[in-house]
C-alpha atoms as a PDB file:
ATOM      1  CA  UNK A   1      -5.715  -2.963 -29.986  1.00  0.00           C
ATOM      2  CA  UNK A   2      -5.657   0.442 -28.259  1.00  0.00           C
ATOM      3  CA  UNK A   3      -5.470  -1.323 -24.897  1.00  0.00           C
ATOM      4  CA  UNK A   4      -2.395  -3.304 -25.965  1.00  0.00           C
ATOM      5  CA  UNK A   5      -0.597  -0.155 -27.155  1.00  0.00           C
ATOM      6  CA  UNK A   6      -1.438   1.682 -23.944  1.00  0.00           C
ATOM      7  CA  UNK A   7      -0.211  -1.275 -21.896  1.00  0.00           C
ATOM      8  CA  UNK A   8       3.072  -1.371 -23.839  1.00  0.00           C
ATOM      9  CA  UNK A   9       3.568   2.377 -23.377  1.00  0.00           C
ATOM     10  CA  UNK A  10       3.063   2.028 -19.620  1.00  0.00           C
ATOM     11  CA  UNK A  11       5.639  -0.768 -19.475  1.00  0.00           C
ATOM     12  CA  UNK A  12       8.161   1.221 -21.521  1.00  0.00           C
ATOM     13  CA  UNK A  13       7.668   4.355 -19.449  1.00  0.00           C
ATOM     14  CA  UNK A  14       7.950   2.473 -16.154  1.00  0.00           C
ATOM     15  CA  UNK A  15      11.165   0.756 -17.295  1.00  0.00           C
ATOM     16  CA  UNK A  16      12.698   4.138 -18.174  1.00  0.00           C
ATOM     17  CA  UNK A  17      11.619   5.632 -14.847  1.00  0.00           C
ATOM     18  CA  UNK A  18      13.340   2.785 -12.996  1.00  0.00           C
ATOM     19  CA  UNK A  19      16.617   2.993 -14.945  1.00  0.00           C
ATOM     20  CA  UNK A  20      19.732   3.550 -12.893  1.00  0.00           C
ATOM     21  CA  UNK A  21      22.146   6.356 -13.705  1.00  0.00           C
ATOM     22  CA  UNK A  22      25.712   5.707 -14.836  1.00  0.00           C
ATOM     23  CA  UNK A  23      27.795   4.877 -11.794  1.00  0.00           C
ATOM     24  CA  UNK A  24      25.013   2.662 -10.426  1.00  0.00           C
ATOM     25  CA  UNK A  25      23.687  -0.834 -11.072  1.00  0.00           C
ATOM     26  CA  UNK A  26      20.423  -2.681 -10.555  1.00  0.00           C
ATOM     27  CA  UNK A  27      20.758  -5.507  -8.024  1.00  0.00           C
ATOM     28  CA  UNK A  28      18.907  -7.910 -10.316  1.00  0.00           C
ATOM     29  CA  UNK A  29      17.251  -7.861 -13.726  1.00  0.00           C
ATOM     30  CA  UNK A  30      14.147  -5.637 -13.662  1.00  0.00           C
ATOM     31  CA  UNK A  31      14.996  -4.495 -10.145  1.00  0.00           C
ATOM     32  CA  UNK A  32      13.643  -1.175  -8.974  1.00  0.00           C
ATOM     33  CA  UNK A  33      16.598  -0.721  -6.626  1.00  0.00           C
ATOM     34  CA  UNK A  34      19.736   1.008  -7.839  1.00  0.00           C
ATOM     35  CA  UNK A  35      22.988   0.711  -5.921  1.00  0.00           C
ATOM     36  CA  UNK A  36      25.973   3.045  -6.253  1.00  0.00           C
ATOM     37  CA  UNK A  37      29.166   1.540  -7.624  1.00  0.00           C
ATOM     38  CA  UNK A  38      31.755   1.232  -4.842  1.00  0.00           C
ATOM     39  CA  UNK A  39      35.165   2.889  -4.730  1.00  0.00           C
ATOM     40  CA  UNK A  40      37.489   1.527  -7.474  1.00  0.00           C
ATOM     41  CA  UNK A  41      34.551   0.317  -9.589  1.00  0.00           C
ATOM     42  CA  UNK A  42      32.413   2.005 -12.251  1.00  0.00           C
ATOM     43  CA  UNK A  43      29.501   1.558 -14.676  1.00  0.00           C
ATOM     44  CA  UNK A  44      28.957   3.309 -17.989  1.00  0.00           C
ATOM     45  CA  UNK A  45      25.357   2.373 -18.799  1.00  0.00           C
ATOM     46  CA  UNK A  46      21.953   2.969 -17.227  1.00  0.00           C
ATOM     47  CA  UNK A  47      21.071  -0.734 -17.419  1.00  0.00           C
ATOM     48  CA  UNK A  48      24.157  -2.136 -15.649  1.00  0.00           C
ATOM     49  CA  UNK A  49      23.578  -5.217 -13.488  1.00  0.00           C
ATOM     50  CA  UNK A  50      27.021  -4.965 -11.876  1.00  0.00           C
ATOM     51  CA  UNK A  51      29.907  -2.538 -11.631  1.00  0.00           C
ATOM     52  CA  UNK A  52      33.256  -3.162 -13.304  1.00  0.00           C
ATOM     53  CA  UNK A  53      36.549  -3.081 -11.395  1.00  0.00           C
ATOM     54  CA  UNK A  54      38.876  -0.256 -12.410  1.00  0.00           C
ATOM     55  CA  UNK A  55      41.566  -1.718 -14.701  1.00  0.00           C
ATOM     56  CA  UNK A  56      45.228  -2.143 -13.755  1.00  0.00           C
ATOM     57  CA  UNK A  57      46.968   1.231 -13.479  1.00  0.00           C
ATOM     58  CA  UNK A  58      43.766   3.142 -12.630  1.00  0.00           C
ATOM     59  CA  UNK A  59      41.666   3.957  -9.580  1.00  0.00           C
ATOM     60  CA  UNK A  60      38.467   5.718  -8.516  1.00  0.00           C
ATOM     61  CA  UNK A  61      38.336   7.146  -5.002  1.00  0.00           C
ATOM     62  CA  UNK A  62      34.667   8.207  -5.177  1.00  0.00           C
ATOM     63  CA  UNK A  63      31.496   6.076  -5.307  1.00  0.00           C
ATOM     64  CA  UNK A  64      28.926   6.285  -8.145  1.00  0.00           C
ATOM     65  CA  UNK A  65      31.373   6.950 -10.992  1.00  0.00           C
ATOM     66  CA  UNK A  66      31.420   6.199 -14.717  1.00  0.00           C
ATOM     67  CA  UNK A  67      35.213   6.302 -15.251  1.00  0.00           C
ATOM     68  CA  UNK A  68      38.460   5.495 -13.489  1.00  0.00           C
ATOM     69  CA  UNK A  69      41.496   7.773 -13.484  1.00  0.00           C
ATOM     70  CA  UNK A  70      45.081   6.831 -14.318  1.00  0.00           C
ATOM     71  CA  UNK A  71      47.493   6.343 -11.453  1.00  0.00           C
ATOM     72  CA  UNK A  72      50.170   9.051 -11.495  1.00  0.00           C
ATOM     73  CA  UNK A  73      53.737   8.286 -12.576  1.00  0.00           C
ATOM     74  CA  UNK A  74      55.569   6.236  -9.941  1.00  0.00           C
ATOM     75  CA  UNK A  75      52.378   4.439  -8.861  1.00  0.00           C
ATOM     76  CA  UNK A  76      50.219   1.604 -10.160  1.00  0.00           C
ATOM     77  CA  UNK A  77      47.293  -0.562  -9.062  1.00  0.00           C
ATOM     78  CA  UNK A  78      45.866  -4.016  -9.487  1.00  0.00           C
ATOM     79  CA  UNK A  79      42.343  -4.257 -10.918  1.00  0.00           C
ATOM     80  CA  UNK A  80      39.781  -2.849  -8.466  1.00  0.00           C
ATOM     81  CA  UNK A  81      42.323  -1.393  -6.034  1.00  0.00           C
ATOM     82  CA  UNK A  82      43.725   2.029  -5.183  1.00  0.00           C
ATOM     83  CA  UNK A  83      47.010   3.268  -6.630  1.00  0.00           C
ATOM     84  CA  UNK A  84      50.110   2.511  -4.584  1.00  0.00           C
ATOM     85  CA  UNK A  85      53.766   3.514  -4.884  1.00  0.00           C
ATOM     86  CA  UNK A  86      56.054   1.429  -7.046  1.00  0.00           C
ATOM     87  CA  UNK A  87      58.808  -0.174  -4.960  1.00  0.00           C
ATOM     88  CA  UNK A  88      62.223   1.418  -4.577  1.00  0.00           C
ATOM     89  CA  UNK A  89      64.284   1.033  -7.785  1.00  0.00           C
ATOM     90  CA  UNK A  90      61.103   0.801  -9.873  1.00  0.00           C
ATOM     91  CA  UNK A  91      58.909   3.408 -11.556  1.00  0.00           C
ATOM     92  CA  UNK A  92      55.944   3.694 -13.911  1.00  0.00           C
ATOM     93  CA  UNK A  93      54.437   6.057 -16.427  1.00  0.00           C
ATOM     94  CA  UNK A  94      50.966   7.429 -15.595  1.00  0.00           C
ATOM     95  CA  UNK A  95      48.495   4.543 -15.857  1.00  0.00           C
ATOM     96  CA  UNK A  96      51.230   1.963 -16.365  1.00  0.00           C
ATOM     97  CA  UNK A  97      52.693  -0.978 -14.523  1.00  0.00           C
ATOM     98  CA  UNK A  98      55.828  -0.668 -12.402  1.00  0.00           C
ATOM     99  CA  UNK A  99      59.084  -1.546 -14.166  1.00  0.00           C
ATOM    100  CA  UNK A 100      62.629  -1.804 -12.834  1.00  0.00           C
ATOM    101  CA  UNK A 101      64.945   1.177 -13.314  1.00  0.00           C
ATOM    102  CA  UNK A 102      67.569   0.523 -16.022  1.00  0.00           C
ATOM    103  CA  UNK A 103      71.245  -0.052 -15.185  1.00  0.00           C
ATOM    104  CA  UNK A 104      72.877   3.100 -13.849  1.00  0.00           C
ATOM    105  CA  UNK A 105      69.621   4.478 -12.403  1.00  0.00           C
ATOM    106  CA  UNK A 106      67.685   4.164  -9.140  1.00  0.00           C
ATOM    107  CA  UNK A 107      64.530   5.504  -7.485  1.00  0.00           C
ATOM    108  CA  UNK A 108      62.847   5.867  -4.144  1.00  0.00           C
ATOM    109  CA  UNK A 109      59.445   4.217  -3.655  1.00  0.00           C
ATOM    110  CA  UNK A 110      56.952   6.104  -5.834  1.00  0.00           C
ATOM    111  CA  UNK A 111      59.657   8.192  -7.505  1.00  0.00           C
ATOM    112  CA  UNK A 112      61.110   8.513 -10.980  1.00  0.00           C
ATOM    113  CA  UNK A 113      64.331   6.745 -11.963  1.00  0.00           C
ATOM    114  CA  UNK A 114      67.331   9.051 -11.545  1.00  0.00           C
ATOM    115  CA  UNK A 115      71.008   8.665 -12.429  1.00  0.00           C
ATOM    116  CA  UNK A 116      73.405   6.997 -10.008  1.00  0.00           C
ATOM    117  CA  UNK A 117      76.253   9.379  -9.056  1.00  0.00           C
ATOM    118  CA  UNK A 118      79.788   9.182 -10.456  1.00  0.00           C
ATOM    119  CA  UNK A 119      81.557   6.061  -9.216  1.00  0.00           C
ATOM    120  CA  UNK A 120      78.319   4.152  -8.572  1.00  0.00           C
ATOM    121  CA  UNK A 121      75.953   2.062 -10.680  1.00  0.00           C
ATOM    122  CA  UNK A 122      72.952  -0.231 -10.415  1.00  0.00           C
ATOM    123  CA  UNK A 123      72.410  -3.568 -12.104  1.00  0.00           C
ATOM    124  CA  UNK A 124      69.119  -2.763 -13.870  1.00  0.00           C
ATOM    125  CA  UNK A 125      67.407  -5.648 -12.070  1.00  0.00           C
ATOM    126  CA  UNK A 126      65.934  -3.497  -9.332  1.00  0.00           C
ATOM    127  CA  UNK A 127      69.130  -2.991  -7.361  1.00  0.00           C
ATOM    128  CA  UNK A 128      70.122   0.240  -5.656  1.00  0.00           C
ATOM    129  CA  UNK A 129      73.155   2.295  -6.666  1.00  0.00           C
ATOM    130  CA  UNK A 130      76.352   0.838  -5.221  1.00  0.00           C
ATOM    131  CA  UNK A 131      80.016   1.793  -5.427  1.00  0.00           C
ATOM    132  CA  UNK A 132      81.917   0.412  -8.405  1.00  0.00           C
ATOM    133  CA  UNK A 133      84.413  -2.365  -7.660  1.00  0.00           C
ATOM    134  CA  UNK A 134      88.138  -1.641  -7.396  1.00  0.00           C
ATOM    135  CA  UNK A 135      89.748  -0.552 -10.696  1.00  0.00           C
ATOM    136  CA  UNK A 136      86.367   0.323 -12.225  1.00  0.00           C
ATOM    137  CA  UNK A 137      84.481   3.601 -12.484  1.00  0.00           C
ATOM    138  CA  UNK A 138      81.310   5.052 -13.916  1.00  0.00           C
ATOM    139  CA  UNK A 139      80.020   8.334 -15.261  1.00  0.00           C
ATOM    140  CA  UNK A 140      76.782   9.804 -13.876  1.00  0.00           C
ATOM    141  CA  UNK A 141      74.039   7.318 -14.786  1.00  0.00           C
ATOM    142  CA  UNK A 142      76.549   4.909 -16.295  1.00  0.00           C
ATOM    143  CA  UNK A 143      77.616   1.388 -15.566  1.00  0.00           C
ATOM    144  CA  UNK A 144      80.876   0.404 -13.925  1.00  0.00           C
ATOM    145  CA  UNK A 145      83.688  -0.384 -16.334  1.00  0.00           C
ATOM    146  CA  UNK A 146      87.462  -0.772 -16.122  1.00  0.00           C
ATOM    147  CA  UNK A 147      88.966   2.679 -15.625  1.00  0.00           C
ATOM    148  CA  UNK A 148      92.505   1.761 -16.692  1.00  0.00           C
ATOM    149  CA  UNK A 149      93.787   0.148 -19.840  1.00  0.00           C
ATOM    150  CA  UNK A 150      95.479  -3.195 -19.326  1.00  0.00           C
ATOM    151  CA  UNK A 151      99.223  -2.796 -18.659  1.00  0.00           C
ATOM    152  CA  UNK A 152      99.046   0.837 -17.521  1.00  0.00           C
END
């Protein structure tokens, strides 16, 4: 009986000595080889058998990590990729997906939505600010509307 207990203790100790650290994974079950998680992946346990891709809206620029960081405002990512600028006339909150600027606003690639100037507007479908049509006008950040009452 003492031999069985000693044998079990040796097995338990050896398994703990071969555990990977967070940010690494074992190539195969019971493997003695630990591999660092690549850029834009992570692991949170010492017994990981693979690394997880960073979720949408996050990235990790360093190997052997246990977390991913949110993309800054104006940028986003697909799962397992680095953050990239939102397109012109789109923006995002930190860690979020890119969305089109609302009507009357625009942005440069990677920038925040800002108001269109007086006399211009955007359609809210990702279009840039453009001059209002004849007989229409807009306030700063507004949409184009008739600037004269009918019959005047």
